[in-house]
């Protein structure tokens, strides 16, 4: 008896699924009027934290417009957008993770450990003051917790605090 699946056009025998995020999307749609200050939104393709929002009155064609000012969560660059309140805008899925700083190598890569003792060494110290503060405090022997934001496949260290410092 012959194998019925031998020539199946859809089965090449290689089941290699390279996703670890349970199929979660990088963004989701949300009506512009439902967005809030301090929330996140995509402006010109960049993940931004909403800093200011204002609504203009309905015009001749009946749509109130919402004017938004957002700060890119990775670069700090300011973006503005205007959107009818009834339209959908893309909202990035932003994940915030705290890690314990284990080590900093000569090239500026940090070794981090999360709460379940998994380690990673693929992030670089941030540029500027935050990176300098982390290196100085680490060199002084401080036990540090670093907060990493992840959105749209980008990751960056955004906050540094002492290991047992209370949340503000």
C-alpha atoms as a PDB file:
ATOM      1  CA  UNK A   1       0.000   0.000   0.000  1.00  0.00           C
ATOM      2  CA  UNK A   2       1.499   3.348  -1.063  1.00  0.00           C
ATOM      3  CA  UNK A   3       1.920   6.328   1.251  1.00  0.00           C
ATOM      4  CA  UNK A   4      -0.925   8.727   0.381  1.00  0.00           C
ATOM      5  CA  UNK A   5       1.000  11.785   1.554  1.00  0.00           C
ATOM      6  CA  UNK A   6       4.150  11.156  -0.481  1.00  0.00           C
ATOM      7  CA  UNK A   7       3.396  13.662  -3.232  1.00  0.00           C
ATOM      8  CA  UNK A   8       1.324  16.139  -1.224  1.00  0.00           C
ATOM      9  CA  UNK A   9       1.987  19.600  -2.715  1.00  0.00           C
ATOM     10  CA  UNK A  10       1.623  21.354   0.648  1.00  0.00           C
ATOM     11  CA  UNK A  11       3.793  19.097   2.774  1.00  0.00           C
ATOM     12  CA  UNK A  12       7.535  19.338   2.268  1.00  0.00           C
ATOM     13  CA  UNK A  13       8.219  17.676   5.628  1.00  0.00           C
ATOM     14  CA  UNK A  14       9.824  20.791   7.093  1.00  0.00           C
ATOM     15  CA  UNK A  15       7.659  22.077   9.916  1.00  0.00           C
ATOM     16  CA  UNK A  16       9.771  25.018  10.966  1.00  0.00           C
ATOM     17  CA  UNK A  17       7.673  27.659  12.693  1.00  0.00           C
ATOM     18  CA  UNK A  18       9.843  30.621  13.635  1.00  0.00           C
ATOM     19  CA  UNK A  19       7.418  32.553  15.823  1.00  0.00           C
ATOM     20  CA  UNK A  20       7.582  32.769  19.556  1.00  0.00           C
ATOM     21  CA  UNK A  21       4.997  35.501  20.091  1.00  0.00           C
ATOM     22  CA  UNK A  22       1.867  33.355  19.689  1.00  0.00           C
ATOM     23  CA  UNK A  23       1.063  35.206  16.486  1.00  0.00           C
ATOM     24  CA  UNK A  24       0.580  38.534  18.257  1.00  0.00           C
ATOM     25  CA  UNK A  25       0.634  41.485  15.918  1.00  0.00           C
ATOM     26  CA  UNK A  26       3.007  44.424  16.335  1.00  0.00           C
ATOM     27  CA  UNK A  27       0.075  46.848  16.233  1.00  0.00           C
ATOM     28  CA  UNK A  28      -3.691  46.956  16.659  1.00  0.00           C
ATOM     29  CA  UNK A  29      -6.266  49.474  15.395  1.00  0.00           C
ATOM     30  CA  UNK A  30      -7.997  51.864  17.791  1.00  0.00           C
ATOM     31  CA  UNK A  31     -10.464  54.637  17.060  1.00  0.00           C
ATOM     32  CA  UNK A  32      -8.771  58.021  17.256  1.00  0.00           C
ATOM     33  CA  UNK A  33     -11.324  59.355  19.764  1.00  0.00           C
ATOM     34  CA  UNK A  34     -10.502  56.456  22.138  1.00  0.00           C
ATOM     35  CA  UNK A  35      -6.777  57.308  22.306  1.00  0.00           C
ATOM     36  CA  UNK A  36      -5.616  58.984  25.526  1.00  0.00           C
ATOM     37  CA  UNK A  37      -2.749  61.173  26.678  1.00  0.00           C
ATOM     38  CA  UNK A  38       0.170  59.018  27.943  1.00  0.00           C
ATOM     39  CA  UNK A  39      -1.019  56.165  25.707  1.00  0.00           C
ATOM     40  CA  UNK A  40       0.866  54.901  22.656  1.00  0.00           C
ATOM     41  CA  UNK A  41       0.171  55.435  18.952  1.00  0.00           C
ATOM     42  CA  UNK A  42       1.996  55.092  15.629  1.00  0.00           C
ATOM     43  CA  UNK A  43       2.745  58.493  14.112  1.00  0.00           C
ATOM     44  CA  UNK A  44       4.492  58.419  10.724  1.00  0.00           C
ATOM     45  CA  UNK A  45       5.339  54.755  11.322  1.00  0.00           C
ATOM     46  CA  UNK A  46       7.098  55.359  14.672  1.00  0.00           C
ATOM     47  CA  UNK A  47       5.898  54.191  18.110  1.00  0.00           C
ATOM     48  CA  UNK A  48       5.116  57.337  20.109  1.00  0.00           C
ATOM     49  CA  UNK A  49       3.848  58.186  23.572  1.00  0.00           C
ATOM     50  CA  UNK A  50       1.013  60.715  23.313  1.00  0.00           C
ATOM     51  CA  UNK A  51       2.014  63.939  25.082  1.00  0.00           C
ATOM     52  CA  UNK A  52      -0.765  66.293  23.963  1.00  0.00           C
ATOM     53  CA  UNK A  53      -4.188  65.848  22.404  1.00  0.00           C
ATOM     54  CA  UNK A  54      -6.692  68.466  21.340  1.00  0.00           C
ATOM     55  CA  UNK A  55      -9.991  68.212  19.496  1.00  0.00           C
ATOM     56  CA  UNK A  56     -11.238  70.681  16.910  1.00  0.00           C
ATOM     57  CA  UNK A  57     -14.957  71.219  16.375  1.00  0.00           C
ATOM     58  CA  UNK A  58     -16.874  69.454  13.684  1.00  0.00           C
ATOM     59  CA  UNK A  59     -16.629  71.279  10.407  1.00  0.00           C
ATOM     60  CA  UNK A  60     -18.884  71.549   7.388  1.00  0.00           C
ATOM     61  CA  UNK A  61     -18.429  67.839   6.660  1.00  0.00           C
ATOM     62  CA  UNK A  62     -19.136  66.727  10.206  1.00  0.00           C
ATOM     63  CA  UNK A  63     -15.907  65.148  11.486  1.00  0.00           C
ATOM     64  CA  UNK A  64     -14.149  66.414  14.595  1.00  0.00           C
ATOM     65  CA  UNK A  65     -10.397  66.299  14.121  1.00  0.00           C
ATOM     66  CA  UNK A  66      -7.943  65.261  16.812  1.00  0.00           C
ATOM     67  CA  UNK A  67      -4.521  66.882  16.877  1.00  0.00           C
ATOM     68  CA  UNK A  68      -1.869  64.710  18.552  1.00  0.00           C
ATOM     69  CA  UNK A  69       1.696  65.377  19.615  1.00  0.00           C
ATOM     70  CA  UNK A  70       3.780  62.308  20.410  1.00  0.00           C
ATOM     71  CA  UNK A  71       7.368  61.609  21.425  1.00  0.00           C
ATOM     72  CA  UNK A  72       9.115  58.619  19.791  1.00  0.00           C
ATOM     73  CA  UNK A  73       9.683  56.131  22.631  1.00  0.00           C
ATOM     74  CA  UNK A  74      13.116  55.172  21.271  1.00  0.00           C
ATOM     75  CA  UNK A  75      14.608  58.378  19.841  1.00  0.00           C
ATOM     76  CA  UNK A  76      12.769  61.108  21.775  1.00  0.00           C
ATOM     77  CA  UNK A  77      11.895  62.840  18.479  1.00  0.00           C
ATOM     78  CA  UNK A  78       8.642  64.816  18.431  1.00  0.00           C
ATOM     79  CA  UNK A  79       5.902  63.898  15.918  1.00  0.00           C
ATOM     80  CA  UNK A  80       2.518  65.496  15.185  1.00  0.00           C
ATOM     81  CA  UNK A  81      -0.558  64.103  13.465  1.00  0.00           C
ATOM     82  CA  UNK A  82      -4.142  65.156  12.808  1.00  0.00           C
ATOM     83  CA  UNK A  83      -6.808  62.481  12.423  1.00  0.00           C
ATOM     84  CA  UNK A  84     -10.624  62.508  12.148  1.00  0.00           C
ATOM     85  CA  UNK A  85     -11.999  61.280  15.493  1.00  0.00           C
ATOM     86  CA  UNK A  86     -13.944  58.444  13.853  1.00  0.00           C
ATOM     87  CA  UNK A  87     -10.937  57.008  11.982  1.00  0.00           C
ATOM     88  CA  UNK A  88      -8.741  54.211  13.306  1.00  0.00           C
ATOM     89  CA  UNK A  89      -5.070  54.687  14.096  1.00  0.00           C
ATOM     90  CA  UNK A  90      -2.512  51.953  14.677  1.00  0.00           C
ATOM     91  CA  UNK A  91      -1.413  51.470  18.279  1.00  0.00           C
ATOM     92  CA  UNK A  92       1.889  49.633  18.853  1.00  0.00           C
ATOM     93  CA  UNK A  93       2.028  46.705  21.273  1.00  0.00           C
ATOM     94  CA  UNK A  94       4.589  48.010  23.747  1.00  0.00           C
ATOM     95  CA  UNK A  95       6.146  45.508  26.137  1.00  0.00           C
ATOM     96  CA  UNK A  96       8.011  46.688  29.203  1.00  0.00           C
ATOM     97  CA  UNK A  97      10.420  44.249  30.905  1.00  0.00           C
ATOM     98  CA  UNK A  98      12.650  44.704  33.937  1.00  0.00           C
ATOM     99  CA  UNK A  99      16.055  43.043  34.001  1.00  0.00           C
ATOM    100  CA  UNK A 100      18.870  42.834  36.516  1.00  0.00           C
ATOM    101  CA  UNK A 101      22.157  44.131  35.088  1.00  0.00           C
ATOM    102  CA  UNK A 102      24.795  41.397  35.319  1.00  0.00           C
ATOM    103  CA  UNK A 103      27.702  42.787  33.280  1.00  0.00           C
ATOM    104  CA  UNK A 104      28.792  45.337  30.673  1.00  0.00           C
ATOM    105  CA  UNK A 105      31.381  44.204  28.114  1.00  0.00           C
ATOM    106  CA  UNK A 106      34.084  46.323  26.416  1.00  0.00           C
ATOM    107  CA  UNK A 107      31.879  47.015  23.376  1.00  0.00           C
ATOM    108  CA  UNK A 108      28.996  48.341  25.484  1.00  0.00           C
ATOM    109  CA  UNK A 109      26.760  45.263  25.346  1.00  0.00           C
ATOM    110  CA  UNK A 110      24.922  44.514  28.581  1.00  0.00           C
ATOM    111  CA  UNK A 111      24.268  41.094  30.111  1.00  0.00           C
ATOM    112  CA  UNK A 112      20.783  41.071  31.591  1.00  0.00           C
ATOM    113  CA  UNK A 113      18.769  38.566  33.639  1.00  0.00           C
ATOM    114  CA  UNK A 114      14.989  38.583  33.930  1.00  0.00           C
ATOM    115  CA  UNK A 115      12.840  37.401  36.858  1.00  0.00           C
ATOM    116  CA  UNK A 116      12.798  33.807  35.589  1.00  0.00           C
ATOM    117  CA  UNK A 117      16.638  33.721  35.474  1.00  0.00           C
ATOM    118  CA  UNK A 118      16.811  33.825  31.666  1.00  0.00           C
ATOM    119  CA  UNK A 119      19.796  35.840  30.460  1.00  0.00           C
ATOM    120  CA  UNK A 120      20.438  37.860  27.312  1.00  0.00           C
ATOM    121  CA  UNK A 121      23.407  39.843  25.992  1.00  0.00           C
ATOM    122  CA  UNK A 122      22.076  41.350  22.762  1.00  0.00           C
ATOM    123  CA  UNK A 123      21.346  44.927  23.884  1.00  0.00           C
ATOM    124  CA  UNK A 124      23.786  47.814  23.856  1.00  0.00           C
ATOM    125  CA  UNK A 125      24.003  50.551  26.443  1.00  0.00           C
ATOM    126  CA  UNK A 126      21.924  53.538  25.344  1.00  0.00           C
ATOM    127  CA  UNK A 127      23.731  56.588  23.949  1.00  0.00           C
ATOM    128  CA  UNK A 128      24.105  59.747  26.014  1.00  0.00           C
ATOM    129  CA  UNK A 129      23.485  60.437  29.679  1.00  0.00           C
ATOM    130  CA  UNK A 130      21.534  57.270  30.516  1.00  0.00           C
ATOM    131  CA  UNK A 131      24.276  55.007  29.131  1.00  0.00           C
ATOM    132  CA  UNK A 132      26.965  56.937  31.014  1.00  0.00           C
ATOM    133  CA  UNK A 133      24.924  56.828  34.240  1.00  0.00           C
ATOM    134  CA  UNK A 134      24.427  53.037  33.936  1.00  0.00           C
ATOM    135  CA  UNK A 135      28.166  52.430  33.326  1.00  0.00           C
ATOM    136  CA  UNK A 136      29.239  54.735  36.197  1.00  0.00           C
ATOM    137  CA  UNK A 137      26.785  53.256  38.682  1.00  0.00           C
ATOM    138  CA  UNK A 138      27.702  49.696  37.596  1.00  0.00           C
ATOM    139  CA  UNK A 139      31.439  50.464  37.931  1.00  0.00           C
ATOM    140  CA  UNK A 140      30.718  51.810  41.444  1.00  0.00           C
ATOM    141  CA  UNK A 141      29.280  48.417  42.383  1.00  0.00           C
ATOM    142  CA  UNK A 142      25.587  49.411  42.430  1.00  0.00           C
ATOM    143  CA  UNK A 143      23.107  46.550  41.813  1.00  0.00           C
ATOM    144  CA  UNK A 144      20.933  47.934  39.006  1.00  0.00           C
ATOM    145  CA  UNK A 145      17.555  47.119  37.468  1.00  0.00           C
ATOM    146  CA  UNK A 146      17.127  48.188  33.839  1.00  0.00           C
ATOM    147  CA  UNK A 147      13.753  48.653  32.168  1.00  0.00           C
ATOM    148  CA  UNK A 148      13.619  47.644  28.494  1.00  0.00           C
ATOM    149  CA  UNK A 149      10.833  48.760  26.144  1.00  0.00           C
ATOM    150  CA  UNK A 150      10.031  46.673  23.086  1.00  0.00           C
ATOM    151  CA  UNK A 151       7.806  47.756  20.186  1.00  0.00           C
ATOM    152  CA  UNK A 152       7.735  46.959  16.445  1.00  0.00           C
ATOM    153  CA  UNK A 153      10.798  44.714  16.784  1.00  0.00           C
ATOM    154  CA  UNK A 154      12.920  47.506  18.344  1.00  0.00           C
ATOM    155  CA  UNK A 155      14.202  47.365  21.897  1.00  0.00           C
ATOM    156  CA  UNK A 156      15.889  49.947  24.080  1.00  0.00           C
ATOM    157  CA  UNK A 157      16.886  50.459  27.696  1.00  0.00           C
ATOM    158  CA  UNK A 158      14.864  53.414  28.979  1.00  0.00           C
ATOM    159  CA  UNK A 159      15.207  53.432  32.779  1.00  0.00           C
ATOM    160  CA  UNK A 160      17.925  52.543  35.278  1.00  0.00           C
ATOM    161  CA  UNK A 161      17.314  52.251  39.020  1.00  0.00           C
ATOM    162  CA  UNK A 162      18.848  50.591  42.059  1.00  0.00           C
ATOM    163  CA  UNK A 163      17.924  46.910  42.515  1.00  0.00           C
ATOM    164  CA  UNK A 164      15.819  47.423  45.638  1.00  0.00           C
ATOM    165  CA  UNK A 165      14.739  51.016  45.009  1.00  0.00           C
ATOM    166  CA  UNK A 166      10.966  51.412  45.522  1.00  0.00           C
ATOM    167  CA  UNK A 167       8.787  52.206  42.484  1.00  0.00           C
ATOM    168  CA  UNK A 168       8.065  55.887  42.071  1.00  0.00           C
END
